[in-house]
Amino acid sequence: MYHVGWGPFLGNGLFALLLCVALVVLIVWAISALFAGRRPGGRGMDEAEMILRGRLARGEISAEEYEATRKVLGLK
């Protein structure tokens, strides 16, 4: 009779557990990255802020107009 002990059973179980944990972490990270720009205090820059910065960089608006528009839009 061939007997290998508990090693392969524990190793495979541990690998499966780590794989599941990694999958959950990846899903949570992807969802948080997707919605980061849509929540207050998020890390991402929303479209309105990108457009506003572009207009300031091209000289279409002054710094005062930029700041006033940011306040109106509720951007920090």
C-alpha atoms as a PDB file:
ATOM      1  CA  MET A   1       0.000   0.000   0.000  1.00  0.00           C
ATOM      2  CA  TYR A   2       1.256   3.494  -0.870  1.00  0.00           C
ATOM      3  CA  HIS A   3       1.074   6.102   1.926  1.00  0.00           C
ATOM      4  CA  VAL A   4       2.220   9.717   1.514  1.00  0.00           C
ATOM      5  CA  GLY A   5       0.987  11.216   4.778  1.00  0.00           C
ATOM      6  CA  TRP A   6      -0.729  14.549   5.367  1.00  0.00           C
ATOM      7  CA  GLY A   7       1.744  16.713   3.426  1.00  0.00           C
ATOM      8  CA  PRO A   8       0.013  16.847   0.032  1.00  0.00           C
ATOM      9  CA  PHE A   9      -3.426  17.222   1.596  1.00  0.00           C
ATOM     10  CA  LEU A  10      -2.379  20.183   3.766  1.00  0.00           C
ATOM     11  CA  GLY A  11      -0.317  21.737   0.977  1.00  0.00           C
ATOM     12  CA  ASN A  12      -3.180  21.623  -1.506  1.00  0.00           C
ATOM     13  CA  GLY A  13      -5.642  22.964   1.044  1.00  0.00           C
ATOM     14  CA  LEU A  14      -3.342  25.827   1.980  1.00  0.00           C
ATOM     15  CA  PHE A  15      -2.793  26.670  -1.696  1.00  0.00           C
ATOM     16  CA  ALA A  16      -6.558  26.694  -2.337  1.00  0.00           C
ATOM     17  CA  LEU A  17      -7.122  28.949   0.679  1.00  0.00           C
ATOM     18  CA  LEU A  18      -4.426  31.402  -0.428  1.00  0.00           C
ATOM     19  CA  LEU A  19      -5.824  31.415  -3.950  1.00  0.00           C
ATOM     20  CA  CYS A  20      -9.304  32.284  -2.653  1.00  0.00           C
ATOM     21  CA  VAL A  21      -7.947  35.073  -0.440  1.00  0.00           C
ATOM     22  CA  ALA A  22      -5.952  36.500  -3.355  1.00  0.00           C
ATOM     23  CA  LEU A  23      -9.044  36.418  -5.567  1.00  0.00           C
ATOM     24  CA  VAL A  24     -11.139  38.272  -2.979  1.00  0.00           C
ATOM     25  CA  VAL A  25      -8.413  40.902  -2.493  1.00  0.00           C
ATOM     26  CA  LEU A  26      -8.163  41.381  -6.263  1.00  0.00           C
ATOM     27  CA  ILE A  27     -11.931  41.839  -6.618  1.00  0.00           C
ATOM     28  CA  VAL A  28     -12.099  44.351  -3.744  1.00  0.00           C
ATOM     29  CA  TRP A  29      -9.136  46.281  -5.165  1.00  0.00           C
ATOM     30  CA  ALA A  30     -10.673  46.392  -8.651  1.00  0.00           C
ATOM     31  CA  ILE A  31     -14.030  47.613  -7.372  1.00  0.00           C
ATOM     32  CA  SER A  32     -12.460  50.294  -5.175  1.00  0.00           C
ATOM     33  CA  ALA A  33     -10.262  51.487  -8.060  1.00  0.00           C
ATOM     34  CA  LEU A  34     -13.274  51.615 -10.372  1.00  0.00           C
ATOM     35  CA  PHE A  35     -15.324  53.804  -8.033  1.00  0.00           C
ATOM     36  CA  ALA A  36     -12.490  55.876  -6.511  1.00  0.00           C
ATOM     37  CA  GLY A  37     -13.296  58.969  -8.573  1.00  0.00           C
ATOM     38  CA  ARG A  38     -17.006  58.833  -7.857  1.00  0.00           C
ATOM     39  CA  ARG A  39     -17.003  59.149  -4.083  1.00  0.00           C
ATOM     40  CA  PRO A  40     -16.105  62.173  -1.975  1.00  0.00           C
ATOM     41  CA  GLY A  41     -12.459  62.095  -0.987  1.00  0.00           C
ATOM     42  CA  GLY A  42     -11.712  59.443  -3.600  1.00  0.00           C
ATOM     43  CA  ARG A  43      -8.234  59.093  -4.992  1.00  0.00           C
ATOM     44  CA  GLY A  44      -9.290  59.459  -8.611  1.00  0.00           C
ATOM     45  CA  MET A  45      -9.902  62.670 -10.484  1.00  0.00           C
ATOM     46  CA  ASP A  46     -13.353  62.987 -11.995  1.00  0.00           C
ATOM     47  CA  GLU A  47     -14.023  64.252 -15.489  1.00  0.00           C
ATOM     48  CA  ALA A  48     -15.075  67.765 -14.414  1.00  0.00           C
ATOM     49  CA  GLU A  49     -11.811  68.344 -12.585  1.00  0.00           C
ATOM     50  CA  MET A  50      -9.781  67.032 -15.524  1.00  0.00           C
ATOM     51  CA  ILE A  51     -11.574  69.405 -17.918  1.00  0.00           C
ATOM     52  CA  LEU A  52     -11.150  72.322 -15.519  1.00  0.00           C
ATOM     53  CA  ARG A  53      -7.412  71.656 -15.118  1.00  0.00           C
ATOM     54  CA  GLY A  54      -7.045  71.405 -18.878  1.00  0.00           C
ATOM     55  CA  ARG A  55      -8.738  74.757 -19.399  1.00  0.00           C
ATOM     56  CA  LEU A  56      -6.455  76.353 -16.810  1.00  0.00           C
ATOM     57  CA  ALA A  57      -3.368  74.798 -18.417  1.00  0.00           C
ATOM     58  CA  ARG A  58      -4.372  76.078 -21.881  1.00  0.00           C
ATOM     59  CA  GLY A  59      -4.946  79.578 -20.496  1.00  0.00           C
ATOM     60  CA  GLU A  60      -8.686  79.585 -21.242  1.00  0.00           C
ATOM     61  CA  ILE A  61      -9.509  80.554 -17.640  1.00  0.00           C
ATOM     62  CA  SER A  62      -7.640  82.421 -14.924  1.00  0.00           C
ATOM     63  CA  ALA A  63      -6.584  80.995 -11.573  1.00  0.00           C
ATOM     64  CA  GLU A  64      -9.417  82.919  -9.909  1.00  0.00           C
ATOM     65  CA  GLU A  65     -11.981  81.414 -12.292  1.00  0.00           C
ATOM     66  CA  TYR A  66     -10.459  77.992 -11.683  1.00  0.00           C
ATOM     67  CA  GLU A  67     -10.819  78.292  -7.909  1.00  0.00           C
ATOM     68  CA  ALA A  68     -14.348  79.726  -8.150  1.00  0.00           C
ATOM     69  CA  THR A  69     -15.458  76.887 -10.445  1.00  0.00           C
ATOM     70  CA  ARG A  70     -13.908  74.292  -8.130  1.00  0.00           C
ATOM     71  CA  LYS A  71     -15.956  75.701  -5.249  1.00  0.00           C
ATOM     72  CA  VAL A  72     -19.145  75.630  -7.325  1.00  0.00           C
ATOM     73  CA  LEU A  73     -18.503  72.028  -8.331  1.00  0.00           C
ATOM     74  CA  GLY A  74     -17.652  71.039  -4.766  1.00  0.00           C
ATOM     75  CA  LEU A  75     -14.140  69.883  -5.626  1.00  0.00           C
ATOM     76  CA  LYS A  76     -11.510  69.950  -2.896  1.00  0.00           C
END
